[in-house]
N, C-alpha and C. Protein backbone atom coordinates (compact mmCIF):
# COMPACT_ATOMS: atom_id res chain seq x y z
N MET A 1 -2.54 -12.28 11.92
CA MET A 1 -2.03 -12.57 10.48
C MET A 1 -3.04 -12.69 9.49
N PRO A 2 -2.47 -11.72 8.37
CA PRO A 2 -3.35 -11.46 7.45
C PRO A 2 -3.82 -12.53 6.39
N GLN A 3 -4.38 -12.78 5.60
CA GLN A 3 -5.09 -14.20 5.09
C GLN A 3 -4.55 -13.58 3.72
N LEU A 4 -3.91 -14.52 2.96
CA LEU A 4 -3.81 -14.16 1.55
C LEU A 4 -5.32 -15.09 0.84
N SER A 5 -5.89 -14.09 0.25
CA SER A 5 -7.07 -14.45 -0.52
C SER A 5 -7.11 -13.99 -1.95
N PRO A 6 -8.01 -14.31 -2.86
CA PRO A 6 -8.39 -14.01 -4.18
C PRO A 6 -8.38 -12.16 -4.28
N SER A 7 -9.26 -11.63 -3.29
CA SER A 7 -9.50 -10.73 -3.07
C SER A 7 -8.35 -9.68 -2.48
N ALA A 8 -7.63 -9.97 -1.94
CA ALA A 8 -5.98 -9.41 -1.34
C ALA A 8 -5.04 -8.75 -2.67
N ILE A 9 -5.50 -10.03 -3.50
CA ILE A 9 -4.43 -9.76 -4.92
C ILE A 9 -4.80 -9.53 -6.07
N GLN A 10 -4.45 -9.08 -6.79
CA GLN A 10 -4.82 -8.47 -8.19
C GLN A 10 -3.66 -8.98 -9.22
N ILE A 11 -4.44 -9.77 -10.15
CA ILE A 11 -3.25 -10.00 -11.30
C ILE A 11 -4.16 -10.47 -12.65
N PRO A 12 -3.70 -9.75 -13.29
CA PRO A 12 -4.04 -9.82 -14.82
C PRO A 12 -4.32 -10.91 -15.47
N THR A 13 -5.68 -11.38 -16.36
CA THR A 13 -5.90 -12.72 -16.84
C THR A 13 -5.33 -12.80 -17.84
N ILE A 14 -4.79 -11.81 -19.03
CA ILE A 14 -4.41 -11.43 -20.28
C ILE A 14 -3.13 -10.44 -20.01
N VAL A 15 -2.03 -11.01 -20.50
CA VAL A 15 -0.62 -10.40 -20.50
C VAL A 15 0.22 -10.69 -21.74
N ASN A 16 1.18 -9.75 -22.00
CA ASN A 16 2.00 -9.82 -22.79
C ASN A 16 3.66 -10.19 -22.30
N ASP A 17 4.30 -9.44 -22.30
CA ASP A 17 5.94 -9.83 -21.56
C ASP A 17 6.04 -9.37 -20.31
N ILE A 18 5.14 -8.40 -19.60
CA ILE A 18 5.40 -8.19 -18.01
C ILE A 18 4.04 -8.49 -17.63
N ILE A 19 4.21 -9.18 -16.21
CA ILE A 19 2.87 -9.28 -15.76
C ILE A 19 3.00 -8.61 -14.29
N THR A 20 2.19 -7.89 -13.73
CA THR A 20 2.03 -7.50 -12.59
C THR A 20 1.05 -7.96 -11.57
N ILE A 21 1.89 -8.14 -10.38
CA ILE A 21 1.09 -8.39 -9.10
C ILE A 21 1.01 -7.68 -8.36
N GLU A 22 -0.19 -7.40 -7.93
CA GLU A 22 -0.83 -6.11 -6.96
C GLU A 22 -1.31 -6.71 -5.76
N VAL A 23 -0.63 -6.41 -4.69
CA VAL A 23 -1.13 -6.78 -3.20
C VAL A 23 -2.14 -5.31 -2.64
N LYS A 24 -3.37 -5.79 -2.79
CA LYS A 24 -4.40 -4.94 -2.42
C LYS A 24 -4.88 -4.71 -0.81
N ASP A 25 -4.42 -6.07 -0.27
CA ASP A 25 -4.62 -6.23 1.30
C ASP A 25 -3.76 -5.21 1.59
N TYR A 26 -3.40 -3.82 2.61
CA TYR A 26 -2.21 -3.47 2.92
C TYR A 26 -1.31 -4.17 4.18
N ALA A 27 -2.29 -5.14 4.80
CA ALA A 27 -1.58 -5.80 5.86
C ALA A 27 -0.90 -6.88 5.17
N LEU A 28 -0.72 -7.28 4.15
CA LEU A 28 -0.10 -7.90 3.44
C LEU A 28 1.21 -7.52 2.77
N SER A 29 1.47 -6.30 2.61
CA SER A 29 2.26 -5.47 2.13
C SER A 29 3.82 -5.82 2.57
N ASP A 30 3.82 -6.31 3.92
CA ASP A 30 5.06 -6.38 4.52
C ASP A 30 5.71 -7.80 5.00
N THR A 31 4.49 -8.26 4.34
CA THR A 31 4.67 -10.21 4.25
C THR A 31 5.61 -10.69 3.10
N TYR A 32 6.66 -11.75 3.36
CA TYR A 32 7.08 -12.02 2.29
C TYR A 32 6.41 -12.90 1.36
N LEU A 33 5.90 -12.83 0.23
CA LEU A 33 5.03 -13.90 -0.34
C LEU A 33 6.15 -14.63 -1.43
N THR A 34 5.81 -15.88 -1.41
CA THR A 34 6.72 -16.45 -2.45
C THR A 34 5.74 -17.19 -3.83
N TYR A 35 6.61 -17.29 -4.92
CA TYR A 35 5.38 -17.30 -5.94
C TYR A 35 6.30 -18.46 -7.05
N ASP A 36 5.48 -19.17 -7.78
CA ASP A 36 6.10 -19.90 -8.73
C ASP A 36 5.08 -19.61 -9.95
N ILE A 37 5.36 -19.88 -11.24
CA ILE A 37 4.60 -19.93 -12.43
C ILE A 37 4.83 -21.02 -13.01
N THR A 38 3.78 -21.98 -13.12
CA THR A 38 3.62 -22.97 -13.74
C THR A 38 2.63 -23.33 -15.10
N ASP A 39 2.86 -24.15 -15.90
CA ASP A 39 1.82 -24.29 -16.97
C ASP A 39 1.00 -25.35 -16.49
N ALA A 40 -0.04 -25.85 -17.46
CA ALA A 40 -0.82 -27.17 -17.04
C ALA A 40 -0.53 -28.21 -16.60
N GLY A 41 0.91 -28.58 -17.14
CA GLY A 41 1.49 -29.68 -16.66
C GLY A 41 2.23 -29.63 -15.28
N LYS A 42 2.47 -28.52 -14.59
CA LYS A 42 2.80 -28.46 -13.34
C LYS A 42 4.26 -27.95 -13.40
N LYS A 43 4.59 -27.81 -14.79
CA LYS A 43 6.11 -27.56 -15.29
C LYS A 43 6.27 -25.90 -14.42
N VAL A 44 7.55 -25.62 -13.52
CA VAL A 44 7.83 -24.40 -12.96
C VAL A 44 8.70 -23.91 -13.93
N TYR A 45 8.37 -22.81 -14.41
CA TYR A 45 9.12 -21.53 -15.19
C TYR A 45 9.89 -20.50 -14.49
N ARG A 46 9.28 -19.97 -13.45
CA ARG A 46 9.82 -19.50 -12.45
C ARG A 46 9.39 -19.33 -11.32
N LYS A 47 9.96 -19.27 -10.31
CA LYS A 47 10.01 -19.12 -8.72
C LYS A 47 10.79 -17.83 -8.28
N GLY A 48 10.33 -17.42 -7.10
CA GLY A 48 10.95 -16.43 -6.31
C GLY A 48 10.33 -15.91 -5.03
N GLN A 49 10.49 -14.78 -4.79
CA GLN A 49 9.78 -14.25 -3.31
C GLN A 49 9.97 -12.46 -3.58
N PHE A 50 8.74 -12.16 -2.99
CA PHE A 50 8.75 -10.72 -2.94
C PHE A 50 8.03 -10.20 -1.59
N ARG A 51 8.43 -8.74 -1.56
CA ARG A 51 7.48 -8.34 -0.47
C ARG A 51 7.29 -6.68 -0.95
N GLY A 52 6.06 -6.37 -0.61
CA GLY A 52 5.82 -4.90 -0.94
C GLY A 52 4.44 -5.37 -1.63
N GLN A 53 3.93 -3.70 -2.06
CA GLN A 53 2.62 -3.41 -2.77
C GLN A 53 2.42 -3.92 -4.02
N SER A 54 3.45 -4.25 -4.84
CA SER A 54 3.41 -4.88 -5.99
C SER A 54 4.70 -5.22 -6.52
N ILE A 55 4.60 -6.00 -7.94
CA ILE A 55 5.81 -6.53 -8.15
C ILE A 55 5.69 -6.76 -9.82
N GLN A 56 6.85 -6.28 -10.47
CA GLN A 56 6.38 -6.51 -12.25
C GLN A 56 7.48 -7.62 -12.66
N MET A 57 7.05 -8.56 -13.42
CA MET A 57 8.00 -9.60 -13.77
C MET A 57 8.01 -9.86 -15.33
N ARG A 58 9.22 -9.94 -16.11
CA ARG A 58 9.28 -9.90 -17.42
C ARG A 58 9.12 -11.56 -17.56
N ILE A 59 8.32 -11.65 -18.55
CA ILE A 59 7.94 -12.98 -18.64
C ILE A 59 7.96 -13.38 -20.26
N THR A 60 9.16 -12.58 -20.87
CA THR A 60 9.18 -12.91 -22.57
C THR A 60 9.41 -14.34 -22.75
N HIS A 61 10.14 -15.25 -22.01
CA HIS A 61 10.81 -16.61 -22.15
C HIS A 61 9.34 -17.42 -21.89
N LEU A 62 8.31 -16.99 -21.69
CA LEU A 62 7.53 -18.04 -21.84
C LEU A 62 6.74 -18.02 -23.00
N ARG A 63 6.32 -19.28 -23.43
CA ARG A 63 5.60 -19.02 -24.94
C ARG A 63 4.13 -18.95 -24.55
N ASP A 64 3.23 -18.42 -25.46
CA ASP A 64 2.07 -18.07 -25.46
C ASP A 64 1.01 -19.11 -25.19
N GLY A 65 0.15 -19.05 -23.98
CA GLY A 65 -0.47 -20.09 -23.56
C GLY A 65 -0.62 -19.71 -22.00
N LYS A 66 -1.74 -20.74 -21.41
CA LYS A 66 -2.12 -20.69 -20.07
C LYS A 66 -1.00 -21.24 -18.65
N TYR A 67 -1.35 -20.28 -18.20
CA TYR A 67 -0.04 -20.28 -16.83
C TYR A 67 -0.75 -20.04 -15.82
N ALA A 68 -0.20 -20.63 -14.32
CA ALA A 68 -0.75 -20.39 -13.30
C ALA A 68 0.36 -19.86 -12.25
N ILE A 69 -0.19 -18.48 -11.70
CA ILE A 69 0.91 -18.05 -10.48
C ILE A 69 0.33 -18.63 -9.25
N ASN A 70 1.09 -19.57 -8.51
CA ASN A 70 1.15 -19.89 -7.51
C ASN A 70 1.69 -19.34 -6.12
N LEU A 71 0.82 -18.45 -5.04
CA LEU A 71 1.37 -17.72 -4.31
C LEU A 71 1.05 -18.16 -2.99
N ASN A 72 2.30 -17.88 -1.91
CA ASN A 72 2.29 -18.64 -0.47
C ASN A 72 2.75 -17.89 0.39
N SER A 73 2.18 -17.94 1.39
CA SER A 73 2.53 -16.97 2.77
C SER A 73 2.94 -17.88 3.80
N CYS A 74 4.14 -17.46 4.66
CA CYS A 74 4.38 -18.44 5.58
C CYS A 74 4.07 -19.84 6.02
N ASP A 75 3.99 -20.45 4.17
CA ASP A 75 3.86 -21.74 4.04
C ASP A 75 2.61 -22.60 4.80
N THR A 76 1.38 -21.32 4.75
CA THR A 76 0.06 -21.83 5.07
C THR A 76 -0.76 -21.25 4.58
N ASP A 77 -0.81 -20.01 4.00
CA ASP A 77 -2.19 -19.60 2.86
C ASP A 77 -1.33 -19.93 1.40
N LYS A 78 -2.34 -20.21 0.86
CA LYS A 78 -2.04 -20.62 -0.40
C LYS A 78 -2.94 -19.89 -1.28
N CYS A 79 -2.76 -19.31 -2.82
CA CYS A 79 -3.64 -18.94 -3.43
C CYS A 79 -3.17 -18.95 -5.18
N SER A 80 -3.87 -19.49 -5.90
CA SER A 80 -3.54 -19.46 -7.25
C SER A 80 -4.15 -18.59 -8.16
N PHE A 81 -3.57 -18.05 -9.11
CA PHE A 81 -4.12 -17.03 -10.02
C PHE A 81 -3.75 -17.64 -11.51
N LEU A 82 -4.88 -17.82 -12.46
CA LEU A 82 -4.85 -18.12 -13.80
C LEU A 82 -4.56 -17.12 -14.90
N PHE A 83 -3.75 -17.16 -15.66
CA PHE A 83 -3.38 -15.80 -16.88
C PHE A 83 -2.94 -16.69 -18.15
N GLU A 84 -3.33 -15.81 -19.10
CA GLU A 84 -2.94 -16.48 -20.45
C GLU A 84 -1.72 -15.55 -21.33
N LYS A 85 -0.75 -15.71 -21.65
CA LYS A 85 0.32 -15.17 -22.12
C LYS A 85 -0.10 -14.95 -23.56
N ILE A 86 -0.14 -13.69 -24.35
CA ILE A 86 -0.87 -13.51 -25.71
C ILE A 86 0.71 -12.66 -25.99
N SER A 87 1.05 -12.94 -27.04
CA SER A 87 2.10 -12.16 -27.56
C SER A 87 1.44 -11.04 -28.39
N GLY A 88 1.63 -9.82 -28.27
CA GLY A 88 1.43 -8.70 -28.99
C GLY A 88 0.19 -8.02 -28.36
N PHE A 89 -0.35 -8.42 -27.29
CA PHE A 89 -1.52 -8.07 -26.05
C PHE A 89 -1.05 -6.85 -25.44
N PRO A 90 -1.61 -5.74 -25.38
CA PRO A 90 -3.25 -5.42 -25.91
C PRO A 90 -2.70 -5.05 -27.59
N TRP A 91 -3.52 -5.35 -28.42
CA TRP A 91 -3.77 -5.17 -29.93
C TRP A 91 -3.87 -3.59 -29.79
N MET A 92 -2.93 -3.08 -30.76
CA MET A 92 -3.27 -1.50 -31.21
C MET A 92 -4.65 -1.41 -32.21
N SER A 93 -5.43 -0.34 -31.63
CA SER A 93 -6.77 0.15 -32.43
C SER A 93 -6.30 0.12 -33.77
N HIS A 94 -5.41 0.93 -34.06
CA HIS A 94 -4.96 1.29 -35.40
C HIS A 94 -4.32 0.02 -36.81
N GLU A 95 -3.69 -1.07 -35.69
CA GLU A 95 -3.65 -2.53 -36.79
C GLU A 95 -4.86 -2.82 -37.33
N SER A 96 -4.63 -3.72 -38.31
CA SER A 96 -5.57 -4.35 -39.19
C SER A 96 -5.37 -5.38 -39.37
N HIS A 97 -5.88 -6.43 -39.38
CA HIS A 97 -5.77 -7.82 -39.89
C HIS A 97 -6.60 -8.23 -41.02
N SER A 98 -5.67 -8.46 -41.95
CA SER A 98 -6.61 -8.76 -43.63
C SER A 98 -6.56 -10.10 -43.67
């Protein structure tokens, strides 16, 4: 059975309206992974499951701030990733802030 680990999954640390979870370990791509997105107080904002090499999720409903994505496979392997939602990220190089 493949192991769920930080090296098997790639999640960006700063996001805007969409977050992408990429499964880097091909052996995990056929495994159902459950997830939840929580804030620092452990309040769950979204949960679900997916299978495959990647998933994109719209997170426009989240306020700017720090969150965690908690992934589980087969109720045994667990892995958490921290990210920050910042509206307007990435900033355009032609924009100026006066």
